Amino acid sequence: MDTLVIFKLVLVLLLVFILFNLARALFIMVKAENKQPMSQYLGRRVIFSALVMMLLLLALGLGWVTPNPRPY
């Protein structure tokens, strides 16, 4: 498989995992059970969001992805 396809697949999976953790935190907040802290899921979301940003910056620096051209 091409490196770009693998990179995009990893990004999509990370974004799905971020949404899953956000949904779990919402479910715990609404249900108000104190078994697991809601901050655990929100913290995971923040960590994986930072990882996605670092991966995007790395890919931009390596030339795997190109930014959109300026409109003017």
C-alpha atoms as a PDB file:
ATOM      1  CA  MET A   1       0.000   0.000   0.000  1.00  0.00           C
ATOM      2  CA  ASP A   2       1.059   3.530  -0.596  1.00  0.00           C
ATOM      3  CA  THR A   3       2.391   5.547   2.352  1.00  0.00           C
ATOM      4  CA  LEU A   4      -0.149   8.302   1.807  1.00  0.00           C
ATOM      5  CA  VAL A   5      -3.065   5.851   1.977  1.00  0.00           C
ATOM      6  CA  ILE A   6      -1.756   4.382   5.236  1.00  0.00           C
ATOM      7  CA  PHE A   7      -1.271   7.882   6.642  1.00  0.00           C
ATOM      8  CA  LYS A   8      -4.829   8.870   5.751  1.00  0.00           C
ATOM      9  CA  LEU A   9      -6.193   5.640   7.223  1.00  0.00           C
ATOM     10  CA  VAL A  10      -4.350   6.290  10.503  1.00  0.00           C
ATOM     11  CA  LEU A  11      -5.727   9.840  10.620  1.00  0.00           C
ATOM     12  CA  VAL A  12      -9.291   8.682  10.019  1.00  0.00           C
ATOM     13  CA  LEU A  13      -8.995   5.987  12.699  1.00  0.00           C
ATOM     14  CA  LEU A  14      -7.601   8.511  15.186  1.00  0.00           C
ATOM     15  CA  LEU A  15     -10.458  10.913  14.445  1.00  0.00           C
ATOM     16  CA  VAL A  16     -13.022   8.132  14.929  1.00  0.00           C
ATOM     17  CA  PHE A  17     -11.362   7.233  18.248  1.00  0.00           C
ATOM     18  CA  ILE A  18     -11.508  10.906  19.296  1.00  0.00           C
ATOM     19  CA  LEU A  19     -15.239  11.030  18.548  1.00  0.00           C
ATOM     20  CA  PHE A  20     -15.766   7.764  20.436  1.00  0.00           C
ATOM     21  CA  ASN A  21     -14.050   9.150  23.548  1.00  0.00           C
ATOM     22  CA  LEU A  22     -16.079  12.350  23.309  1.00  0.00           C
ATOM     23  CA  ALA A  23     -19.305  10.334  23.082  1.00  0.00           C
ATOM     24  CA  ARG A  24     -18.295   8.178  26.079  1.00  0.00           C
ATOM     25  CA  ALA A  25     -17.627  11.317  28.139  1.00  0.00           C
ATOM     26  CA  LEU A  26     -21.027  12.702  27.149  1.00  0.00           C
ATOM     27  CA  PHE A  27     -22.720   9.442  28.101  1.00  0.00           C
ATOM     28  CA  ILE A  28     -21.032   9.410  31.517  1.00  0.00           C
ATOM     29  CA  MET A  29     -21.909  13.069  32.082  1.00  0.00           C
ATOM     30  CA  VAL A  30     -25.580  12.535  31.239  1.00  0.00           C
ATOM     31  CA  LYS A  31     -25.920   9.281  33.147  1.00  0.00           C
ATOM     32  CA  ALA A  32     -24.063  10.736  36.164  1.00  0.00           C
ATOM     33  CA  GLU A  33     -22.463   7.473  37.253  1.00  0.00           C
ATOM     34  CA  ASN A  34     -19.267   7.825  39.225  1.00  0.00           C
ATOM     35  CA  LYS A  35     -17.659   4.527  38.210  1.00  0.00           C
ATOM     36  CA  GLN A  36     -15.237   6.133  35.778  1.00  0.00           C
ATOM     37  CA  PRO A  37     -14.237   9.774  35.722  1.00  0.00           C
ATOM     38  CA  MET A  38     -15.363  11.737  32.703  1.00  0.00           C
ATOM     39  CA  SER A  39     -11.969  13.465  32.596  1.00  0.00           C
ATOM     40  CA  GLN A  40     -10.346  10.166  31.604  1.00  0.00           C
ATOM     41  CA  TYR A  41     -12.153  10.201  28.259  1.00  0.00           C
ATOM     42  CA  LEU A  42     -11.751  13.932  27.742  1.00  0.00           C
ATOM     43  CA  GLY A  43      -8.040  13.630  28.451  1.00  0.00           C
ATOM     44  CA  ARG A  44      -7.696  10.876  25.876  1.00  0.00           C
ATOM     45  CA  ARG A  45      -9.488  13.084  23.376  1.00  0.00           C
ATOM     46  CA  VAL A  46      -7.059  15.937  23.978  1.00  0.00           C
ATOM     47  CA  ILE A  47      -4.005  13.670  23.727  1.00  0.00           C
ATOM     48  CA  PHE A  48      -5.156  12.089  20.473  1.00  0.00           C
ATOM     49  CA  SER A  49      -6.118  15.494  19.041  1.00  0.00           C
ATOM     50  CA  ALA A  50      -2.589  16.697  19.755  1.00  0.00           C
ATOM     51  CA  LEU A  51      -1.234  13.534  18.112  1.00  0.00           C
ATOM     52  CA  VAL A  52      -3.311  14.208  14.998  1.00  0.00           C
ATOM     53  CA  MET A  53      -1.965  17.767  14.832  1.00  0.00           C
ATOM     54  CA  MET A  54       1.638  16.557  15.198  1.00  0.00           C
ATOM     55  CA  LEU A  55       1.117  13.935  12.489  1.00  0.00           C
ATOM     56  CA  LEU A  56      -0.333  16.544  10.142  1.00  0.00           C
ATOM     57  CA  LEU A  57       2.587  18.902  10.761  1.00  0.00           C
ATOM     58  CA  LEU A  58       5.056  16.053  10.225  1.00  0.00           C
ATOM     59  CA  ALA A  59       3.366  15.070   6.965  1.00  0.00           C
ATOM     60  CA  LEU A  60       3.374  18.684   5.847  1.00  0.00           C
ATOM     61  CA  GLY A  61       7.072  18.987   6.643  1.00  0.00           C
ATOM     62  CA  LEU A  62       7.938  15.752   4.827  1.00  0.00           C
ATOM     63  CA  GLY A  63       5.901  16.767   1.785  1.00  0.00           C
ATOM     64  CA  TRP A  64       3.364  13.947   2.015  1.00  0.00           C
ATOM     65  CA  VAL A  65       0.496  16.445   1.974  1.00  0.00           C
ATOM     66  CA  THR A  66       0.359  19.921   0.483  1.00  0.00           C
ATOM     67  CA  PRO A  67      -1.659  22.793   1.887  1.00  0.00           C
ATOM     68  CA  ASN A  68      -4.259  24.575  -0.192  1.00  0.00           C
ATOM     69  CA  PRO A  69      -2.859  27.477  -2.202  1.00  0.00           C
ATOM     70  CA  ARG A  70      -3.555  30.978  -1.005  1.00  0.00           C
ATOM     71  CA  PRO A  71      -6.700  32.445  -2.573  1.00  0.00           C
ATOM     72  CA  TYR A  72      -4.954  35.639  -3.721  1.00  0.00           C
END
